[in-house]
Amino acid sequence: MRHERGAQGGRGVEAAGLSREAVLDTALRIVEARGLAALTMRGLAAELGVAATAIYWHVGNRDALIAALTDRILGDFGDLAPPSPDAREEPAERIVGIGRALRQRIAARPHAIALLHEQGRTAVMMRPAQRALAAEVAAAGLDGERAATVVRAVLHHVVGFVLLERAVERGPEPRPGPDEVWRDPDGVDPALARELGRPHDPDALFEVSLSALVRGLLAS
């Protein structure tokens, strides 16, 4: 009886217009909320209120579904560019803008990024960012090996920053905390020790560190 009700529900939703895009949208929400392990064909069907056969009809098996999700996520990175492009900005400012946008996208979708990594598509994901950075580095007058170094350094900085943030976020509460670690300066300037013991703004740190990196590389 349960199977019959599911099948009837599936036909009802299909008649109401269940589409491949709706299936992918729901599957992606599951992955982004709970990770790839939480995505099952039966669970996806339940989420949509249809029979599992309806899912197979629209997207194929789970491997085909994951391949389609991978393409969808990659497409979301295809338009990576500095927000509100302004021709009056210096290349360094636009490069920082690209890095900022990339950090925001990666940080906002950790499970989706993990899916791309598991599928061996990380390099493809980074290509739009590489192209956008390459264009700005060329506008700054760099080419060849020196230009490639700037592009790679920016990408490493952005990805490394996000990974560290993620590790801190998911890790246990530090014991002792920074305030306790730096309570005794032990030869370090007391003012510096006090600052190191206080919470910091990761957004501000990202901006100042990436800007310094970019301007230093462009000027060197």
C-alpha atoms as a PDB file:
ATOM      1  CA  MET A   1       0.000   0.000   0.000  1.00  0.00           C
ATOM      2  CA  ARG A   2       2.835   2.382   0.776  1.00  0.00           C
ATOM      3  CA  HIS A   3       4.346   1.829  -2.657  1.00  0.00           C
ATOM      4  CA  GLU A   4       0.986   2.469  -4.296  1.00  0.00           C
ATOM      5  CA  ARG A   5       0.531   5.722  -2.447  1.00  0.00           C
ATOM      6  CA  GLY A   6       4.048   6.822  -3.430  1.00  0.00           C
ATOM      7  CA  ALA A   7       3.400   5.964  -7.043  1.00  0.00           C
ATOM      8  CA  GLN A   8       0.127   7.852  -7.025  1.00  0.00           C
ATOM      9  CA  GLY A   9       1.840  10.811  -5.388  1.00  0.00           C
ATOM     10  CA  GLY A  10       4.588  10.656  -8.020  1.00  0.00           C
ATOM     11  CA  ARG A  11       2.075  10.713 -10.872  1.00  0.00           C
ATOM     12  CA  GLY A  12       0.265  13.612  -9.235  1.00  0.00           C
ATOM     13  CA  VAL A  13       3.397  15.730  -8.919  1.00  0.00           C
ATOM     14  CA  GLU A  14       4.517  14.805 -12.431  1.00  0.00           C
ATOM     15  CA  ALA A  15       1.144  15.890 -13.735  1.00  0.00           C
ATOM     16  CA  ALA A  16       1.627  19.172 -11.884  1.00  0.00           C
ATOM     17  CA  GLY A  17       4.891  19.697 -13.755  1.00  0.00           C
ATOM     18  CA  LEU A  18       7.799  17.948 -12.039  1.00  0.00           C
ATOM     19  CA  SER A  19      10.870  18.736 -14.126  1.00  0.00           C
ATOM     20  CA  ARG A  20      14.511  17.788 -14.311  1.00  0.00           C
ATOM     21  CA  GLU A  21      15.410  21.259 -13.035  1.00  0.00           C
ATOM     22  CA  ALA A  22      13.150  20.862 -10.018  1.00  0.00           C
ATOM     23  CA  VAL A  23      14.798  17.533  -9.210  1.00  0.00           C
ATOM     24  CA  LEU A  24      18.276  19.061  -9.516  1.00  0.00           C
ATOM     25  CA  ASP A  25      17.307  22.093  -7.436  1.00  0.00           C
ATOM     26  CA  THR A  26      16.099  19.887  -4.600  1.00  0.00           C
ATOM     27  CA  ALA A  27      19.082  17.546  -4.829  1.00  0.00           C
ATOM     28  CA  LEU A  28      21.457  20.493  -4.670  1.00  0.00           C
ATOM     29  CA  ARG A  29      19.695  21.880  -1.602  1.00  0.00           C
ATOM     30  CA  ILE A  30      20.123  18.535   0.134  1.00  0.00           C
ATOM     31  CA  VAL A  31      23.833  18.410  -0.712  1.00  0.00           C
ATOM     32  CA  GLU A  32      24.457  21.991   0.357  1.00  0.00           C
ATOM     33  CA  ALA A  33      22.605  21.514   3.627  1.00  0.00           C
ATOM     34  CA  ARG A  34      23.808  18.056   4.676  1.00  0.00           C
ATOM     35  CA  GLY A  35      26.529  16.889   2.298  1.00  0.00           C
ATOM     36  CA  LEU A  36      26.700  14.339  -0.495  1.00  0.00           C
ATOM     37  CA  ALA A  37      26.237  11.355   1.844  1.00  0.00           C
ATOM     38  CA  ALA A  38      22.733  12.623   2.645  1.00  0.00           C
ATOM     39  CA  LEU A  39      21.678  12.474  -0.998  1.00  0.00           C
ATOM     40  CA  THR A  40      19.858   9.224  -1.743  1.00  0.00           C
ATOM     41  CA  MET A  41      17.380   8.568  -4.512  1.00  0.00           C
ATOM     42  CA  ARG A  42      14.736   7.472  -2.014  1.00  0.00           C
ATOM     43  CA  GLY A  43      15.331  10.495   0.214  1.00  0.00           C
ATOM     44  CA  LEU A  44      15.218  12.832  -2.776  1.00  0.00           C
ATOM     45  CA  ALA A  45      11.939  11.289  -3.920  1.00  0.00           C
ATOM     46  CA  ALA A  46      10.483  11.721  -0.441  1.00  0.00           C
ATOM     47  CA  GLU A  47      11.606  15.353  -0.388  1.00  0.00           C
ATOM     48  CA  LEU A  48       9.805  15.939  -3.680  1.00  0.00           C
ATOM     49  CA  GLY A  49       6.785  13.846  -2.709  1.00  0.00           C
ATOM     50  CA  VAL A  50       7.107  11.488  -5.654  1.00  0.00           C
ATOM     51  CA  ALA A  51       7.932   7.860  -6.287  1.00  0.00           C
ATOM     52  CA  ALA A  52      11.610   7.036  -6.754  1.00  0.00           C
ATOM     53  CA  THR A  53      10.839   5.941 -10.307  1.00  0.00           C
ATOM     54  CA  ALA A  54       9.983   9.553 -11.126  1.00  0.00           C
ATOM     55  CA  ILE A  55      13.505  10.602 -10.129  1.00  0.00           C
ATOM     56  CA  TYR A  56      15.079   7.976 -12.372  1.00  0.00           C
ATOM     57  CA  TRP A  57      12.836   9.081 -15.223  1.00  0.00           C
ATOM     58  CA  HIS A  58      14.080  12.662 -15.026  1.00  0.00           C
ATOM     59  CA  VAL A  59      17.776  12.305 -14.147  1.00  0.00           C
ATOM     60  CA  GLY A  60      18.757   8.644 -14.406  1.00  0.00           C
ATOM     61  CA  ASN A  61      20.586   6.826 -11.605  1.00  0.00           C
ATOM     62  CA  ARG A  62      22.508   8.386  -8.720  1.00  0.00           C
ATOM     63  CA  ASP A  63      25.765   8.601 -10.696  1.00  0.00           C
ATOM     64  CA  ALA A  64      23.965  10.492 -13.460  1.00  0.00           C
ATOM     65  CA  LEU A  65      22.377  12.749 -10.846  1.00  0.00           C
ATOM     66  CA  ILE A  66      25.758  13.553  -9.288  1.00  0.00           C
ATOM     67  CA  ALA A  67      27.215  14.278 -12.732  1.00  0.00           C
ATOM     68  CA  ALA A  68      24.347  16.683 -13.434  1.00  0.00           C
ATOM     69  CA  LEU A  69      24.817  18.381 -10.055  1.00  0.00           C
ATOM     70  CA  THR A  70      28.530  18.739 -10.776  1.00  0.00           C
ATOM     71  CA  ASP A  71      27.757  20.512 -14.045  1.00  0.00           C
ATOM     72  CA  ARG A  72      25.238  22.750 -12.282  1.00  0.00           C
ATOM     73  CA  ILE A  73      27.745  23.810  -9.622  1.00  0.00           C
ATOM     74  CA  LEU A  74      30.452  24.409 -12.196  1.00  0.00           C
ATOM     75  CA  GLY A  75      28.050  26.629 -14.103  1.00  0.00           C
ATOM     76  CA  ASP A  76      27.554  28.771 -11.006  1.00  0.00           C
ATOM     77  CA  PHE A  77      31.262  29.611 -11.053  1.00  0.00           C
ATOM     78  CA  GLY A  78      31.304  30.479 -14.748  1.00  0.00           C
ATOM     79  CA  ASP A  79      30.379  34.121 -14.308  1.00  0.00           C
ATOM     80  CA  LEU A  80      32.943  34.933 -11.646  1.00  0.00           C
ATOM     81  CA  ALA A  81      34.008  38.562 -12.001  1.00  0.00           C
ATOM     82  CA  PRO A  82      34.562  41.572  -9.738  1.00  0.00           C
ATOM     83  CA  PRO A  83      31.219  42.828  -8.417  1.00  0.00           C
ATOM     84  CA  SER A  84      30.075  46.063 -10.059  1.00  0.00           C
ATOM     85  CA  PRO A  85      33.034  46.366 -12.496  1.00  0.00           C
ATOM     86  CA  ASP A  86      34.361  49.910 -12.643  1.00  0.00           C
ATOM     87  CA  ALA A  87      36.825  50.884 -15.374  1.00  0.00           C
ATOM     88  CA  ARG A  88      38.208  53.550 -13.058  1.00  0.00           C
ATOM     89  CA  GLU A  89      39.491  50.979 -10.589  1.00  0.00           C
ATOM     90  CA  GLU A  90      43.096  49.925 -10.637  1.00  0.00           C
ATOM     91  CA  PRO A  91      43.891  46.330 -11.683  1.00  0.00           C
ATOM     92  CA  ALA A  92      44.978  45.611  -8.099  1.00  0.00           C
ATOM     93  CA  GLU A  93      41.555  46.614  -6.778  1.00  0.00           C
ATOM     94  CA  ARG A  94      39.794  44.483  -9.372  1.00  0.00           C
ATOM     95  CA  ILE A  95      42.030  41.496  -8.604  1.00  0.00           C
ATOM     96  CA  VAL A  96      41.154  41.823  -4.914  1.00  0.00           C
ATOM     97  CA  GLY A  97      37.488  42.018  -5.940  1.00  0.00           C
ATOM     98  CA  ILE A  98      37.767  38.729  -7.815  1.00  0.00           C
ATOM     99  CA  GLY A  99      39.450  37.122  -4.812  1.00  0.00           C
ATOM    100  CA  ARG A 100      36.720  38.445  -2.538  1.00  0.00           C
ATOM    101  CA  ALA A 101      33.963  37.074  -4.769  1.00  0.00           C
ATOM    102  CA  LEU A 102      35.679  33.693  -5.006  1.00  0.00           C
ATOM    103  CA  ARG A 103      36.069  33.450  -1.231  1.00  0.00           C
ATOM    104  CA  GLN A 104      32.402  34.253  -0.719  1.00  0.00           C
ATOM    105  CA  ARG A 105      31.252  31.567  -3.155  1.00  0.00           C
ATOM    106  CA  ILE A 106      33.525  28.866  -1.785  1.00  0.00           C
ATOM    107  CA  ALA A 107      32.722  29.688   1.843  1.00  0.00           C
ATOM    108  CA  ALA A 108      28.975  29.740   1.183  1.00  0.00           C
ATOM    109  CA  ARG A 109      28.872  26.270  -0.390  1.00  0.00           C
ATOM    110  CA  PRO A 110      31.339  23.961   1.370  1.00  0.00           C
ATOM    111  CA  HIS A 111      29.441  20.742   0.604  1.00  0.00           C
ATOM    112  CA  ALA A 112      29.018  21.652  -3.060  1.00  0.00           C
ATOM    113  CA  ILE A 113      32.726  22.404  -3.309  1.00  0.00           C
ATOM    114  CA  ALA A 114      33.490  19.083  -1.625  1.00  0.00           C
ATOM    115  CA  LEU A 115      31.373  17.361  -4.277  1.00  0.00           C
ATOM    116  CA  LEU A 116      33.426  18.956  -7.050  1.00  0.00           C
ATOM    117  CA  HIS A 117      36.612  17.880  -5.291  1.00  0.00           C
ATOM    118  CA  GLU A 118      35.387  14.289  -4.976  1.00  0.00           C
ATOM    119  CA  GLN A 119      34.580  14.287  -8.687  1.00  0.00           C
ATOM    120  CA  GLY A 120      38.054  15.590  -9.574  1.00  0.00           C
ATOM    121  CA  ARG A 121      36.635  18.838 -10.970  1.00  0.00           C
ATOM    122  CA  THR A 122      38.316  21.391  -8.722  1.00  0.00           C
ATOM    123  CA  ALA A 123      40.630  22.600 -11.484  1.00  0.00           C
ATOM    124  CA  VAL A 124      37.657  23.135 -13.783  1.00  0.00           C
ATOM    125  CA  MET A 125      35.873  25.066 -11.032  1.00  0.00           C
ATOM    126  CA  MET A 126      38.858  27.390 -10.644  1.00  0.00           C
ATOM    127  CA  ARG A 127      39.236  28.087 -14.355  1.00  0.00           C
ATOM    128  CA  PRO A 128      36.769  31.032 -14.522  1.00  0.00           C
ATOM    129  CA  ALA A 129      38.574  32.676 -11.607  1.00  0.00           C
ATOM    130  CA  GLN A 130      41.914  32.036 -13.305  1.00  0.00           C
ATOM    131  CA  ARG A 131      40.670  33.611 -16.526  1.00  0.00           C
ATOM    132  CA  ALA A 132      39.278  36.657 -14.733  1.00  0.00           C
ATOM    133  CA  LEU A 133      42.511  37.097 -12.775  1.00  0.00           C
ATOM    134  CA  ALA A 134      44.639  36.597 -15.895  1.00  0.00           C
ATOM    135  CA  ALA A 135      42.767  39.392 -17.662  1.00  0.00           C
ATOM    136  CA  GLU A 136      43.370  41.804 -14.793  1.00  0.00           C
ATOM    137  CA  VAL A 137      47.012  40.803 -14.402  1.00  0.00           C
ATOM    138  CA  ALA A 138      47.515  41.428 -18.130  1.00  0.00           C
ATOM    139  CA  ALA A 139      45.866  44.836 -17.711  1.00  0.00           C
ATOM    140  CA  ALA A 140      48.487  45.571 -15.055  1.00  0.00           C
ATOM    141  CA  GLY A 141      51.201  44.954 -17.672  1.00  0.00           C
ATOM    142  CA  LEU A 142      52.385  41.507 -16.577  1.00  0.00           C
ATOM    143  CA  ASP A 143      52.775  38.434 -18.734  1.00  0.00           C
ATOM    144  CA  GLY A 144      54.365  34.987 -18.792  1.00  0.00           C
ATOM    145  CA  GLU A 145      55.748  33.436 -15.638  1.00  0.00           C
ATOM    146  CA  ARG A 146      55.390  36.569 -13.534  1.00  0.00           C
ATOM    147  CA  ALA A 147      51.697  36.892 -14.430  1.00  0.00           C
ATOM    148  CA  ALA A 148      51.103  33.210 -13.690  1.00  0.00           C
ATOM    149  CA  THR A 149      52.738  33.634 -10.278  1.00  0.00           C
ATOM    150  CA  VAL A 150      50.286  36.404  -9.383  1.00  0.00           C
ATOM    151  CA  VAL A 151      47.276  34.354 -10.480  1.00  0.00           C
ATOM    152  CA  ARG A 152      48.425  31.280  -8.553  1.00  0.00           C
ATOM    153  CA  ALA A 153      49.344  33.250  -5.445  1.00  0.00           C
ATOM    154  CA  VAL A 154      45.915  34.888  -5.300  1.00  0.00           C
ATOM    155  CA  LEU A 155      44.106  31.565  -5.728  1.00  0.00           C
ATOM    156  CA  HIS A 156      46.258  29.859  -3.095  1.00  0.00           C
ATOM    157  CA  HIS A 157      45.666  32.718  -0.684  1.00  0.00           C
ATOM    158  CA  VAL A 158      41.896  32.650  -1.171  1.00  0.00           C
ATOM    159  CA  VAL A 159      41.498  28.868  -0.956  1.00  0.00           C
ATOM    160  CA  GLY A 160      43.925  28.563   1.963  1.00  0.00           C
ATOM    161  CA  PHE A 161      42.105  31.318   3.854  1.00  0.00           C
ATOM    162  CA  VAL A 162      38.742  29.599   3.374  1.00  0.00           C
ATOM    163  CA  LEU A 163      40.099  26.199   4.409  1.00  0.00           C
ATOM    164  CA  LEU A 164      41.601  27.654   7.578  1.00  0.00           C
ATOM    165  CA  GLU A 165      38.348  29.434   8.422  1.00  0.00           C
ATOM    166  CA  ARG A 166      36.446  26.190   7.873  1.00  0.00           C
ATOM    167  CA  ALA A 167      38.855  24.224  10.061  1.00  0.00           C
ATOM    168  CA  VAL A 168      38.529  26.738  12.895  1.00  0.00           C
ATOM    169  CA  GLU A 169      34.757  26.793  12.542  1.00  0.00           C
ATOM    170  CA  ARG A 170      34.441  23.006  12.692  1.00  0.00           C
ATOM    171  CA  GLY A 171      37.131  22.430  15.299  1.00  0.00           C
ATOM    172  CA  PRO A 172      36.699  22.231  19.063  1.00  0.00           C
ATOM    173  CA  GLU A 173      36.871  25.287  21.255  1.00  0.00           C
ATOM    174  CA  PRO A 174      40.575  26.095  21.725  1.00  0.00           C
ATOM    175  CA  ARG A 175      41.987  25.323  25.165  1.00  0.00           C
ATOM    176  CA  PRO A 176      43.523  27.529  26.300  1.00  0.00           C
ATOM    177  CA  GLY A 177      42.031  30.371  24.291  1.00  0.00           C
ATOM    178  CA  PRO A 178      44.145  33.121  22.673  1.00  0.00           C
ATOM    179  CA  ASP A 179      43.511  35.470  25.587  1.00  0.00           C
ATOM    180  CA  GLU A 180      45.058  32.945  27.978  1.00  0.00           C
ATOM    181  CA  VAL A 181      47.916  32.051  25.618  1.00  0.00           C
ATOM    182  CA  TRP A 182      48.977  35.698  25.389  1.00  0.00           C
ATOM    183  CA  ARG A 183      48.305  36.628  29.004  1.00  0.00           C
ATOM    184  CA  ASP A 184      52.053  36.309  29.606  1.00  0.00           C
ATOM    185  CA  PRO A 185      53.831  38.172  26.746  1.00  0.00           C
ATOM    186  CA  ASP A 186      57.101  36.313  27.430  1.00  0.00           C
ATOM    187  CA  GLY A 187      59.308  38.764  25.577  1.00  0.00           C
ATOM    188  CA  VAL A 188      56.685  39.868  23.034  1.00  0.00           C
ATOM    189  CA  ASP A 189      55.635  43.517  22.973  1.00  0.00           C
ATOM    190  CA  PRO A 190      52.761  43.752  25.521  1.00  0.00           C
ATOM    191  CA  ALA A 191      50.567  45.814  23.169  1.00  0.00           C
ATOM    192  CA  LEU A 192      51.030  43.213  20.426  1.00  0.00           C
ATOM    193  CA  ALA A 193      50.323  40.381  22.870  1.00  0.00           C
ATOM    194  CA  ARG A 194      47.073  42.054  23.951  1.00  0.00           C
ATOM    195  CA  GLU A 195      45.945  42.380  20.335  1.00  0.00           C
ATOM    196  CA  LEU A 196      46.827  38.764  19.537  1.00  0.00           C
ATOM    197  CA  GLY A 197      44.712  37.675  22.493  1.00  0.00           C
ATOM    198  CA  ARG A 198      41.633  39.483  21.196  1.00  0.00           C
ATOM    199  CA  PRO A 199      39.154  38.217  18.582  1.00  0.00           C
ATOM    200  CA  HIS A 200      39.860  39.482  15.081  1.00  0.00           C
ATOM    201  CA  ASP A 201      37.697  40.309  12.083  1.00  0.00           C
ATOM    202  CA  PRO A 202      38.403  37.646   9.400  1.00  0.00           C
ATOM    203  CA  ASP A 203      36.878  39.784   6.656  1.00  0.00           C
ATOM    204  CA  ALA A 204      39.161  42.709   7.459  1.00  0.00           C
ATOM    205  CA  LEU A 205      42.168  40.386   7.723  1.00  0.00           C
ATOM    206  CA  PHE A 206      41.343  38.844   4.340  1.00  0.00           C
ATOM    207  CA  GLU A 207      41.075  42.250   2.687  1.00  0.00           C
ATOM    208  CA  VAL A 208      44.317  43.649   4.074  1.00  0.00           C
ATOM    209  CA  SER A 209      46.323  40.473   3.475  1.00  0.00           C
ATOM    210  CA  LEU A 210      45.098  39.921  -0.094  1.00  0.00           C
ATOM    211  CA  SER A 211      45.551  43.585  -0.976  1.00  0.00           C
ATOM    212  CA  ALA A 212      49.108  43.565   0.382  1.00  0.00           C
ATOM    213  CA  LEU A 213      49.881  40.344  -1.491  1.00  0.00           C
ATOM    214  CA  VAL A 214      48.508  41.638  -4.799  1.00  0.00           C
ATOM    215  CA  ARG A 215      50.090  45.081  -4.637  1.00  0.00           C
ATOM    216  CA  GLY A 216      53.426  43.607  -3.593  1.00  0.00           C
ATOM    217  CA  LEU A 217      53.420  41.111  -6.458  1.00  0.00           C
ATOM    218  CA  LEU A 218      52.378  43.675  -9.049  1.00  0.00           C
ATOM    219  CA  ALA A 219      55.098  46.078  -7.901  1.00  0.00           C
ATOM    220  CA  SER A 220      57.917  43.593  -7.457  1.00  0.00           C
END
